[in-house]
Amino acid sequence: MSLDEVMVTKAIVEGYLESFLENTEVEAALVGAGPANLVAAKCLAEANIKTVLFEKRLSVGGGLWGGGMMFPRIVVQQAATRILEEYGIRYHEHFKGYYVANSIETVAKLTAGAIDAGAQIVNLVTVEDVMIREQDRVVGLVINWTAAEMAQIHVDPLCIRARYVIDGTGHEASVCRVVARKIPGAIIG
């Protein structure tokens, strides 16, 4: 039996489009697939909340991959060990109250946890804007391919309707900045 390249292409495109179209209306749209949003996505999906994460990069996990100065280790305090335990992430106490875990194992297991709970992850998608309706309420996202942004070309974006939007972009706070620009004096929380 030979591999038919066209069938492989159709399987990839049709499979992606089916998933994408199913997620154009969600309860929770999370922007940024770093560790905080991966944990949030798992919690939301486990509560039967239709959840999708949008990550602008190829890989998820944010800066966690690099650990400390590109040494693949992270340090957490006692309160965070419950998360490590919940996901089966191995760790050990290095100094009293400070625990060390492998950053690569952490990203892999946080990602698997979110996916296994039913959250969807869409990578290589940038959030350009937010949709605001209903008395200054954020009701969705305006998205585009990250490649289009990088190439500085204009292609029309697409929209995702969401009951709730969570900005997990870290220091960037890109979604919060857009909301603050569009609704001066908005209370963001």
N, C-alpha and C. Protein backbone atom coordinates (compact mmCIF):
# COMPACT_ATOMS: atom_id res chain seq x y z
N MET A 1 0.85 -1.18 0.00
CA MET A 1 0.00 0.00 0.00
C MET A 1 0.90 1.24 0.00
N SER A 2 0.68 2.11 -0.96
CA SER A 2 1.53 3.30 -1.06
C SER A 2 0.87 4.49 -0.37
N LEU A 3 1.68 5.41 0.04
CA LEU A 3 1.21 6.63 0.69
C LEU A 3 0.78 7.62 -0.39
N ASP A 4 -0.43 8.07 -0.31
CA ASP A 4 -0.93 9.05 -1.26
C ASP A 4 -0.78 10.43 -0.64
N GLU A 5 0.13 11.23 -1.17
CA GLU A 5 0.43 12.54 -0.61
C GLU A 5 -0.79 13.45 -0.55
N VAL A 6 -1.67 13.35 -1.52
CA VAL A 6 -2.87 14.18 -1.53
C VAL A 6 -3.78 13.80 -0.38
N MET A 7 -3.88 12.52 -0.07
CA MET A 7 -4.71 12.07 1.05
C MET A 7 -4.14 12.59 2.37
N VAL A 8 -2.82 12.60 2.48
CA VAL A 8 -2.19 13.13 3.69
C VAL A 8 -2.51 14.62 3.82
N THR A 9 -2.41 15.33 2.73
CA THR A 9 -2.73 16.77 2.73
C THR A 9 -4.17 16.99 3.14
N LYS A 10 -5.08 16.23 2.55
CA LYS A 10 -6.49 16.38 2.90
C LYS A 10 -6.74 16.06 4.37
N ALA A 11 -6.10 15.04 4.88
CA ALA A 11 -6.28 14.68 6.29
C ALA A 11 -5.82 15.80 7.22
N ILE A 12 -4.70 16.41 6.90
CA ILE A 12 -4.19 17.51 7.72
C ILE A 12 -5.13 18.72 7.66
N VAL A 13 -5.45 19.15 6.45
CA VAL A 13 -6.26 20.36 6.28
C VAL A 13 -7.68 20.15 6.80
N GLU A 14 -8.31 19.06 6.42
CA GLU A 14 -9.68 18.83 6.88
C GLU A 14 -9.73 18.64 8.39
N GLY A 15 -8.77 17.92 8.95
CA GLY A 15 -8.73 17.72 10.40
C GLY A 15 -8.56 19.03 11.14
N TYR A 16 -7.67 19.89 10.64
CA TYR A 16 -7.45 21.19 11.29
C TYR A 16 -8.68 22.08 11.15
N LEU A 17 -9.22 22.18 9.95
CA LEU A 17 -10.37 23.05 9.74
C LEU A 17 -11.58 22.62 10.55
N GLU A 18 -11.80 21.33 10.65
CA GLU A 18 -12.91 20.83 11.47
C GLU A 18 -12.74 21.29 12.92
N SER A 19 -11.56 21.12 13.47
CA SER A 19 -11.29 21.54 14.85
C SER A 19 -11.40 23.05 14.99
N PHE A 20 -10.84 23.78 14.02
CA PHE A 20 -10.86 25.23 14.08
C PHE A 20 -12.30 25.75 14.06
N LEU A 21 -13.11 25.24 13.15
CA LEU A 21 -14.50 25.70 13.05
C LEU A 21 -15.30 25.36 14.31
N GLU A 22 -15.02 24.24 14.93
CA GLU A 22 -15.68 23.88 16.18
C GLU A 22 -15.34 24.86 17.30
N ASN A 23 -14.24 25.57 17.14
CA ASN A 23 -13.78 26.46 18.21
C ASN A 23 -13.88 27.93 17.85
N THR A 24 -14.76 28.28 16.92
CA THR A 24 -14.97 29.70 16.61
C THR A 24 -15.92 30.34 17.61
N GLU A 25 -16.63 29.52 18.37
CA GLU A 25 -17.47 30.01 19.47
C GLU A 25 -17.17 29.15 20.69
N VAL A 26 -16.60 29.78 21.70
CA VAL A 26 -16.18 29.05 22.90
C VAL A 26 -16.63 29.80 24.15
N GLU A 27 -16.59 29.12 25.25
CA GLU A 27 -16.88 29.79 26.51
C GLU A 27 -15.66 30.56 27.00
N ALA A 28 -14.47 29.95 26.88
CA ALA A 28 -13.25 30.59 27.37
C ALA A 28 -12.17 30.57 26.30
N ALA A 29 -11.69 31.75 25.93
CA ALA A 29 -10.57 31.89 25.00
C ALA A 29 -9.38 32.40 25.79
N LEU A 30 -8.33 31.63 25.82
CA LEU A 30 -7.14 31.99 26.58
C LEU A 30 -6.05 32.39 25.60
N VAL A 31 -5.43 33.52 25.84
CA VAL A 31 -4.40 34.04 24.94
C VAL A 31 -3.05 33.83 25.60
N GLY A 32 -2.21 33.06 24.94
CA GLY A 32 -0.91 32.71 25.47
C GLY A 32 -0.97 31.35 26.13
N ALA A 33 -0.10 30.43 25.71
CA ALA A 33 -0.12 29.07 26.25
C ALA A 33 1.10 28.84 27.13
N GLY A 34 1.34 29.80 28.03
CA GLY A 34 2.39 29.61 29.02
C GLY A 34 1.87 28.77 30.17
N PRO A 35 2.69 28.57 31.19
CA PRO A 35 2.30 27.67 32.28
C PRO A 35 1.01 28.07 32.99
N ALA A 36 0.79 29.35 33.22
CA ALA A 36 -0.42 29.76 33.93
C ALA A 36 -1.67 29.42 33.13
N ASN A 37 -1.67 29.72 31.84
CA ASN A 37 -2.84 29.42 31.01
C ASN A 37 -3.00 27.93 30.73
N LEU A 38 -1.91 27.18 30.71
CA LEU A 38 -2.04 25.73 30.56
C LEU A 38 -2.76 25.14 31.77
N VAL A 39 -2.42 25.62 32.96
CA VAL A 39 -3.10 25.16 34.18
C VAL A 39 -4.55 25.64 34.18
N ALA A 40 -4.77 26.91 33.81
CA ALA A 40 -6.13 27.45 33.77
C ALA A 40 -6.98 26.67 32.77
N ALA A 41 -6.42 26.34 31.62
CA ALA A 41 -7.16 25.60 30.59
C ALA A 41 -7.59 24.23 31.10
N LYS A 42 -6.72 23.57 31.81
CA LYS A 42 -7.06 22.26 32.37
C LYS A 42 -8.21 22.40 33.36
N CYS A 43 -8.12 23.38 34.26
CA CYS A 43 -9.18 23.58 35.26
C CYS A 43 -10.52 23.89 34.59
N LEU A 44 -10.50 24.76 33.59
CA LEU A 44 -11.74 25.13 32.90
C LEU A 44 -12.32 23.95 32.14
N ALA A 45 -11.47 23.24 31.41
CA ALA A 45 -11.95 22.10 30.63
C ALA A 45 -12.50 21.00 31.53
N GLU A 46 -11.87 20.79 32.67
CA GLU A 46 -12.37 19.78 33.61
C GLU A 46 -13.74 20.17 34.17
N ALA A 47 -14.04 21.46 34.17
CA ALA A 47 -15.35 21.94 34.62
C ALA A 47 -16.35 21.98 33.46
N ASN A 48 -16.01 21.30 32.36
CA ASN A 48 -16.86 21.23 31.16
C ASN A 48 -17.10 22.59 30.52
N ILE A 49 -16.12 23.45 30.60
CA ILE A 49 -16.16 24.75 29.94
C ILE A 49 -15.37 24.62 28.64
N LYS A 50 -16.02 24.92 27.53
CA LYS A 50 -15.37 24.82 26.22
C LYS A 50 -14.24 25.84 26.16
N THR A 51 -13.01 25.33 26.09
CA THR A 51 -11.81 26.16 26.28
C THR A 51 -10.85 25.98 25.11
N VAL A 52 -10.33 27.10 24.62
CA VAL A 52 -9.29 27.06 23.59
C VAL A 52 -8.20 28.05 23.95
N LEU A 53 -6.96 27.63 23.76
CA LEU A 53 -5.80 28.49 23.98
C LEU A 53 -5.24 28.90 22.62
N PHE A 54 -4.88 30.18 22.49
CA PHE A 54 -4.25 30.67 21.27
C PHE A 54 -2.83 31.08 21.62
N GLU A 55 -1.87 30.48 20.94
CA GLU A 55 -0.45 30.74 21.18
C GLU A 55 0.17 31.27 19.90
N LYS A 56 0.87 32.39 20.01
CA LYS A 56 1.46 33.00 18.81
C LYS A 56 2.71 32.27 18.32
N ARG A 57 3.34 31.54 19.18
CA ARG A 57 4.57 30.83 18.79
C ARG A 57 4.25 29.41 18.31
N LEU A 58 5.27 28.76 17.79
CA LEU A 58 5.14 27.37 17.37
C LEU A 58 4.97 26.47 18.58
N SER A 59 5.72 26.76 19.64
CA SER A 59 5.67 25.90 20.83
C SER A 59 4.91 26.56 21.96
N VAL A 60 4.32 25.73 22.80
CA VAL A 60 3.62 26.21 23.98
C VAL A 60 4.58 26.15 25.17
N GLY A 61 4.18 26.76 26.27
CA GLY A 61 5.01 26.70 27.48
C GLY A 61 5.69 28.00 27.84
N GLY A 62 5.56 28.99 26.96
CA GLY A 62 6.17 30.29 27.24
C GLY A 62 7.66 30.16 27.48
N GLY A 63 8.14 30.92 28.45
CA GLY A 63 9.56 30.91 28.77
C GLY A 63 9.98 29.74 29.64
N LEU A 64 9.03 28.91 30.01
CA LEU A 64 9.33 27.80 30.91
C LEU A 64 10.35 26.83 30.33
N TRP A 65 10.34 26.67 29.00
CA TRP A 65 11.29 25.75 28.36
C TRP A 65 12.73 26.05 28.76
N GLY A 66 13.05 27.33 28.86
CA GLY A 66 14.43 27.73 29.13
C GLY A 66 14.85 27.62 30.57
N GLY A 67 13.88 27.32 31.47
CA GLY A 67 14.25 27.22 32.89
C GLY A 67 14.95 28.49 33.35
N GLY A 68 15.97 28.30 34.15
CA GLY A 68 16.78 29.44 34.60
C GLY A 68 17.99 29.58 33.72
N MET A 69 18.11 30.66 33.01
CA MET A 69 19.23 30.97 32.13
C MET A 69 19.59 29.81 31.20
N MET A 70 18.57 29.19 30.64
CA MET A 70 18.66 28.07 29.71
C MET A 70 19.15 26.78 30.36
N PHE A 71 19.17 26.71 31.68
CA PHE A 71 19.36 25.44 32.36
C PHE A 71 17.94 24.90 32.58
N PRO A 72 17.61 23.72 32.08
CA PRO A 72 16.23 23.26 32.11
C PRO A 72 15.75 22.85 33.51
N ARG A 73 15.78 23.79 34.41
CA ARG A 73 15.30 23.57 35.78
C ARG A 73 14.51 24.79 36.21
N ILE A 74 13.44 24.53 36.97
CA ILE A 74 12.67 25.61 37.57
C ILE A 74 12.68 25.42 39.08
N VAL A 75 12.47 26.50 39.79
CA VAL A 75 12.40 26.46 41.24
C VAL A 75 11.04 26.98 41.66
N VAL A 76 10.36 26.22 42.48
CA VAL A 76 9.06 26.64 43.00
C VAL A 76 9.09 26.57 44.52
N GLN A 77 8.18 27.33 45.12
CA GLN A 77 8.04 27.28 46.57
C GLN A 77 6.97 26.27 46.94
N GLN A 78 6.86 26.00 48.23
CA GLN A 78 5.97 24.97 48.76
C GLN A 78 4.56 25.03 48.17
N ALA A 79 3.96 26.22 48.10
CA ALA A 79 2.57 26.35 47.64
C ALA A 79 2.38 25.80 46.22
N ALA A 80 3.40 25.88 45.39
CA ALA A 80 3.28 25.43 44.00
C ALA A 80 3.52 23.93 43.84
N THR A 81 4.02 23.26 44.86
CA THR A 81 4.28 21.83 44.71
C THR A 81 2.99 21.04 44.50
N ARG A 82 1.86 21.58 44.95
CA ARG A 82 0.58 20.87 44.73
C ARG A 82 0.29 20.76 43.24
N ILE A 83 0.68 21.78 42.46
CA ILE A 83 0.48 21.71 41.01
C ILE A 83 1.40 20.66 40.41
N LEU A 84 2.66 20.66 40.85
CA LEU A 84 3.60 19.65 40.35
C LEU A 84 3.07 18.25 40.65
N GLU A 85 2.56 18.05 41.85
CA GLU A 85 2.03 16.73 42.23
C GLU A 85 0.80 16.36 41.41
N GLU A 86 -0.09 17.33 41.20
CA GLU A 86 -1.31 17.06 40.43
C GLU A 86 -0.99 16.56 39.03
N TYR A 87 0.07 17.08 38.43
CA TYR A 87 0.43 16.71 37.07
C TYR A 87 1.46 15.58 37.01
N GLY A 88 1.88 15.08 38.16
CA GLY A 88 2.88 14.01 38.19
C GLY A 88 4.26 14.47 37.80
N ILE A 89 4.57 15.72 38.06
CA ILE A 89 5.89 16.28 37.73
C ILE A 89 6.84 16.00 38.89
N ARG A 90 7.94 15.36 38.59
CA ARG A 90 8.91 15.02 39.62
C ARG A 90 9.65 16.28 40.08
N TYR A 91 9.93 16.34 41.37
CA TYR A 91 10.67 17.46 41.94
C TYR A 91 11.35 17.01 43.22
N HIS A 92 12.27 17.83 43.68
CA HIS A 92 12.91 17.55 44.97
C HIS A 92 13.21 18.87 45.68
N GLU A 93 13.29 18.79 46.98
CA GLU A 93 13.61 19.98 47.76
C GLU A 93 15.11 20.20 47.69
N HIS A 94 15.51 21.38 47.26
CA HIS A 94 16.93 21.70 47.14
C HIS A 94 17.42 22.47 48.37
N PHE A 95 16.66 23.48 48.75
CA PHE A 95 16.87 24.21 49.99
C PHE A 95 15.53 24.19 50.71
N LYS A 96 15.54 24.43 51.98
CA LYS A 96 14.29 24.40 52.74
C LYS A 96 13.27 25.36 52.12
N GLY A 97 12.13 24.79 51.68
CA GLY A 97 11.06 25.59 51.10
C GLY A 97 11.22 25.87 49.61
N TYR A 98 12.30 25.43 48.98
CA TYR A 98 12.54 25.66 47.55
C TYR A 98 12.74 24.32 46.85
N TYR A 99 11.91 24.10 45.81
CA TYR A 99 11.86 22.81 45.15
C TYR A 99 12.26 22.97 43.69
N VAL A 100 13.00 21.98 43.18
CA VAL A 100 13.51 22.02 41.81
C VAL A 100 12.81 20.95 40.97
N ALA A 101 12.40 21.35 39.76
CA ALA A 101 11.79 20.43 38.80
C ALA A 101 12.40 20.67 37.43
N ASN A 102 12.29 19.68 36.57
CA ASN A 102 12.78 19.79 35.20
C ASN A 102 11.78 20.62 34.39
N SER A 103 12.24 21.68 33.77
CA SER A 103 11.34 22.58 33.04
C SER A 103 10.73 21.91 31.81
N ILE A 104 11.46 21.04 31.15
CA ILE A 104 10.95 20.38 29.95
C ILE A 104 9.85 19.39 30.34
N GLU A 105 10.07 18.62 31.39
CA GLU A 105 9.02 17.72 31.88
C GLU A 105 7.79 18.52 32.30
N THR A 106 8.00 19.67 32.91
CA THR A 106 6.90 20.50 33.38
C THR A 106 6.05 20.98 32.21
N VAL A 107 6.67 21.50 31.16
CA VAL A 107 5.92 21.96 29.98
C VAL A 107 5.15 20.80 29.36
N ALA A 108 5.82 19.67 29.19
CA ALA A 108 5.18 18.52 28.54
C ALA A 108 3.95 18.05 29.33
N LYS A 109 4.08 17.98 30.63
CA LYS A 109 2.96 17.46 31.44
C LYS A 109 1.86 18.49 31.62
N LEU A 110 2.20 19.78 31.71
CA LEU A 110 1.15 20.79 31.77
C LEU A 110 0.35 20.81 30.46
N THR A 111 1.05 20.68 29.35
CA THR A 111 0.40 20.66 28.04
C THR A 111 -0.50 19.43 27.90
N ALA A 112 0.04 18.28 28.24
CA ALA A 112 -0.75 17.06 28.16
C ALA A 112 -1.97 17.13 29.08
N GLY A 113 -1.80 17.72 30.25
CA GLY A 113 -2.92 17.86 31.18
C GLY A 113 -4.05 18.69 30.61
N ALA A 114 -3.70 19.80 29.96
CA ALA A 114 -4.71 20.66 29.35
C ALA A 114 -5.43 19.94 28.22
N ILE A 115 -4.66 19.28 27.37
CA ILE A 115 -5.25 18.57 26.23
C ILE A 115 -6.10 17.40 26.71
N ASP A 116 -5.59 16.63 27.65
CA ASP A 116 -6.34 15.48 28.17
C ASP A 116 -7.65 15.90 28.82
N ALA A 117 -7.67 17.10 29.40
CA ALA A 117 -8.90 17.60 30.03
C ALA A 117 -9.92 18.06 29.00
N GLY A 118 -9.48 18.25 27.75
CA GLY A 118 -10.41 18.64 26.69
C GLY A 118 -10.18 20.03 26.13
N ALA A 119 -9.19 20.75 26.63
CA ALA A 119 -8.88 22.07 26.07
C ALA A 119 -8.24 21.89 24.69
N GLN A 120 -8.49 22.85 23.81
CA GLN A 120 -7.87 22.85 22.49
C GLN A 120 -6.75 23.88 22.50
N ILE A 121 -5.68 23.60 21.77
CA ILE A 121 -4.57 24.54 21.66
C ILE A 121 -4.36 24.84 20.18
N VAL A 122 -4.35 26.13 19.84
CA VAL A 122 -4.11 26.57 18.47
C VAL A 122 -2.83 27.39 18.51
N ASN A 123 -1.79 26.89 17.85
CA ASN A 123 -0.52 27.62 17.84
C ASN A 123 -0.36 28.41 16.55
N LEU A 124 0.64 29.27 16.53
CA LEU A 124 0.98 30.11 15.39
C LEU A 124 -0.14 31.08 15.01
N VAL A 125 -0.92 31.49 16.02
CA VAL A 125 -2.00 32.44 15.82
C VAL A 125 -1.80 33.61 16.78
N THR A 126 -1.83 34.82 16.24
CA THR A 126 -1.66 36.04 17.02
C THR A 126 -3.02 36.71 17.23
N VAL A 127 -3.22 37.22 18.42
CA VAL A 127 -4.43 37.99 18.69
C VAL A 127 -4.13 39.44 18.34
N GLU A 128 -4.84 39.96 17.33
CA GLU A 128 -4.64 41.34 16.87
C GLU A 128 -5.49 42.34 17.62
N ASP A 129 -6.68 41.90 18.02
CA ASP A 129 -7.65 42.83 18.58
C ASP A 129 -8.67 42.03 19.39
N VAL A 130 -9.56 42.76 20.04
CA VAL A 130 -10.66 42.12 20.75
C VAL A 130 -11.97 42.65 20.17
N MET A 131 -13.00 41.85 20.29
CA MET A 131 -14.34 42.28 19.89
C MET A 131 -15.03 42.79 21.15
N ILE A 132 -15.58 43.99 21.05
CA ILE A 132 -16.25 44.60 22.20
C ILE A 132 -17.68 44.91 21.81
N ARG A 133 -18.60 44.45 22.63
CA ARG A 133 -20.03 44.68 22.43
C ARG A 133 -20.67 44.82 23.80
N GLU A 134 -21.97 44.88 23.78
CA GLU A 134 -22.76 44.80 25.01
C GLU A 134 -22.19 45.66 26.14
N GLN A 135 -22.26 46.96 25.99
CA GLN A 135 -21.83 47.89 27.03
C GLN A 135 -20.37 47.68 27.43
N ASP A 136 -19.50 47.78 26.46
CA ASP A 136 -18.06 47.69 26.68
C ASP A 136 -17.61 46.36 27.28
N ARG A 137 -18.19 45.28 26.81
CA ARG A 137 -17.80 43.96 27.27
C ARG A 137 -17.02 43.25 26.17
N VAL A 138 -15.90 42.63 26.53
CA VAL A 138 -15.12 41.85 25.57
C VAL A 138 -15.89 40.57 25.29
N VAL A 139 -16.17 40.33 24.01
CA VAL A 139 -16.95 39.16 23.63
C VAL A 139 -16.22 38.25 22.64
N GLY A 140 -14.95 38.55 22.43
CA GLY A 140 -14.20 37.68 21.53
C GLY A 140 -12.87 38.26 21.12
N LEU A 141 -12.23 37.52 20.22
CA LEU A 141 -10.88 37.87 19.76
C LEU A 141 -10.85 38.02 18.25
N VAL A 142 -9.95 38.86 17.77
CA VAL A 142 -9.64 38.98 16.35
C VAL A 142 -8.26 38.38 16.19
N ILE A 143 -8.18 37.33 15.37
CA ILE A 143 -6.93 36.58 15.26
C ILE A 143 -6.40 36.59 13.84
N ASN A 144 -5.10 36.30 13.74
CA ASN A 144 -4.46 36.19 12.43
C ASN A 144 -3.27 35.26 12.56
N TRP A 145 -2.76 34.81 11.44
CA TRP A 145 -1.57 33.96 11.46
C TRP A 145 -0.38 34.76 11.95
N THR A 146 0.42 34.19 12.81
CA THR A 146 1.64 34.82 13.28
C THR A 146 2.57 35.12 12.11
N ALA A 147 2.60 34.24 11.13
CA ALA A 147 3.47 34.43 9.96
C ALA A 147 3.11 35.72 9.21
N ALA A 148 1.83 36.06 9.15
CA ALA A 148 1.42 37.30 8.47
C ALA A 148 1.95 38.50 9.25
N GLU A 149 1.88 38.44 10.55
CA GLU A 149 2.42 39.54 11.37
C GLU A 149 3.93 39.66 11.19
N MET A 150 4.61 38.52 11.21
CA MET A 150 6.07 38.53 11.06
C MET A 150 6.50 39.07 9.70
N ALA A 151 5.75 38.73 8.66
CA ALA A 151 6.07 39.19 7.30
C ALA A 151 5.60 40.61 7.05
N GLN A 152 4.86 41.17 8.01
CA GLN A 152 4.30 42.51 7.91
C GLN A 152 3.45 42.67 6.65
N ILE A 153 2.60 41.65 6.43
CA ILE A 153 1.67 41.72 5.31
C ILE A 153 0.26 41.78 5.89
N HIS A 154 -0.64 42.32 5.10
CA HIS A 154 -2.02 42.40 5.56
C HIS A 154 -2.84 41.29 4.94
N VAL A 155 -3.45 40.50 5.78
CA VAL A 155 -4.48 39.56 5.36
C VAL A 155 -5.63 39.75 6.35
N ASP A 156 -6.82 39.63 5.86
CA ASP A 156 -7.96 39.83 6.74
C ASP A 156 -7.95 38.83 7.88
N PRO A 157 -8.22 39.30 9.08
CA PRO A 157 -8.23 38.41 10.24
C PRO A 157 -9.55 37.65 10.34
N LEU A 158 -9.60 36.74 11.30
CA LEU A 158 -10.81 36.00 11.61
C LEU A 158 -11.21 36.32 13.05
N CYS A 159 -12.42 35.95 13.42
CA CYS A 159 -12.92 36.26 14.76
C CYS A 159 -13.33 35.00 15.50
N ILE A 160 -13.11 35.05 16.80
CA ILE A 160 -13.51 33.98 17.71
C ILE A 160 -14.43 34.61 18.75
N ARG A 161 -15.64 34.08 18.86
CA ARG A 161 -16.56 34.58 19.88
C ARG A 161 -16.27 33.81 21.17
N ALA A 162 -16.20 34.54 22.29
CA ALA A 162 -15.91 33.92 23.57
C ALA A 162 -16.68 34.62 24.68
N ARG A 163 -17.20 33.82 25.57
CA ARG A 163 -17.90 34.40 26.72
C ARG A 163 -16.91 35.07 27.66
N TYR A 164 -15.73 34.45 27.79
CA TYR A 164 -14.67 34.99 28.64
C TYR A 164 -13.35 34.95 27.89
N VAL A 165 -12.51 35.95 28.11
CA VAL A 165 -11.18 36.01 27.53
C VAL A 165 -10.18 36.18 28.67
N ILE A 166 -9.14 35.35 28.65
CA ILE A 166 -8.09 35.43 29.66
C ILE A 166 -6.79 35.79 28.97
N ASP A 167 -6.15 36.86 29.43
CA ASP A 167 -4.85 37.28 28.90
C ASP A 167 -3.76 36.61 29.73
N GLY A 168 -3.10 35.65 29.12
CA GLY A 168 -1.99 34.98 29.78
C GLY A 168 -0.69 35.24 29.05
N THR A 169 -0.54 36.45 28.53
CA THR A 169 0.64 36.77 27.72
C THR A 169 1.81 37.27 28.57
N GLY A 170 1.70 37.16 29.86
CA GLY A 170 2.81 37.52 30.74
C GLY A 170 3.06 39.01 30.75
N HIS A 171 4.33 39.37 30.75
CA HIS A 171 4.72 40.79 30.84
C HIS A 171 4.12 41.62 29.71
N GLU A 172 3.92 41.00 28.59
CA GLU A 172 3.37 41.67 27.40
C GLU A 172 1.96 42.22 27.65
N ALA A 173 1.13 41.44 28.34
CA ALA A 173 -0.27 41.82 28.62
C ALA A 173 -0.95 42.39 27.38
N SER A 174 -0.76 41.72 26.26
CA SER A 174 -1.21 42.28 24.97
C SER A 174 -2.72 42.47 24.89
N VAL A 175 -3.50 41.55 25.41
CA VAL A 175 -4.96 41.70 25.33
C VAL A 175 -5.41 42.83 26.26
N CYS A 176 -4.87 42.87 27.45
CA CYS A 176 -5.23 43.93 28.40
C CYS A 176 -4.89 45.31 27.83
N ARG A 177 -3.77 45.41 27.14
CA ARG A 177 -3.38 46.70 26.53
C ARG A 177 -4.39 47.14 25.46
N VAL A 178 -4.85 46.19 24.66
CA VAL A 178 -5.85 46.51 23.63
C VAL A 178 -7.13 46.99 24.29
N VAL A 179 -7.58 46.28 25.31
CA VAL A 179 -8.82 46.67 26.00
C VAL A 179 -8.66 48.05 26.62
N ALA A 180 -7.53 48.30 27.26
CA ALA A 180 -7.30 49.61 27.90
C ALA A 180 -7.29 50.74 26.87
N ARG A 181 -6.77 50.45 25.67
CA ARG A 181 -6.76 51.46 24.60
C ARG A 181 -8.16 51.72 24.06
N LYS A 182 -8.95 50.67 23.91
CA LYS A 182 -10.27 50.79 23.32
C LYS A 182 -11.33 51.28 24.29
N ILE A 183 -11.13 50.98 25.58
CA ILE A 183 -12.10 51.40 26.61
C ILE A 183 -11.33 52.13 27.70
N PRO A 184 -11.07 53.41 27.51
CA PRO A 184 -10.33 54.16 28.53
C PRO A 184 -11.02 54.07 29.90
N GLY A 185 -10.22 53.77 30.91
CA GLY A 185 -10.75 53.66 32.26
C GLY A 185 -11.35 52.31 32.58
N ALA A 186 -11.20 51.34 31.66
CA ALA A 186 -11.77 50.00 31.88
C ALA A 186 -11.13 49.36 33.10
N ILE A 187 -11.93 48.66 33.85
CA ILE A 187 -11.41 47.88 34.97
C ILE A 187 -11.11 46.51 34.43
N ILE A 188 -9.83 46.16 34.44
CA ILE A 188 -9.38 44.90 33.87
C ILE A 188 -9.00 43.99 35.03
N GLY A 189 -9.67 42.87 35.08
CA GLY A 189 -9.36 41.95 36.20
C GLY A 189 -9.86 40.59 35.97
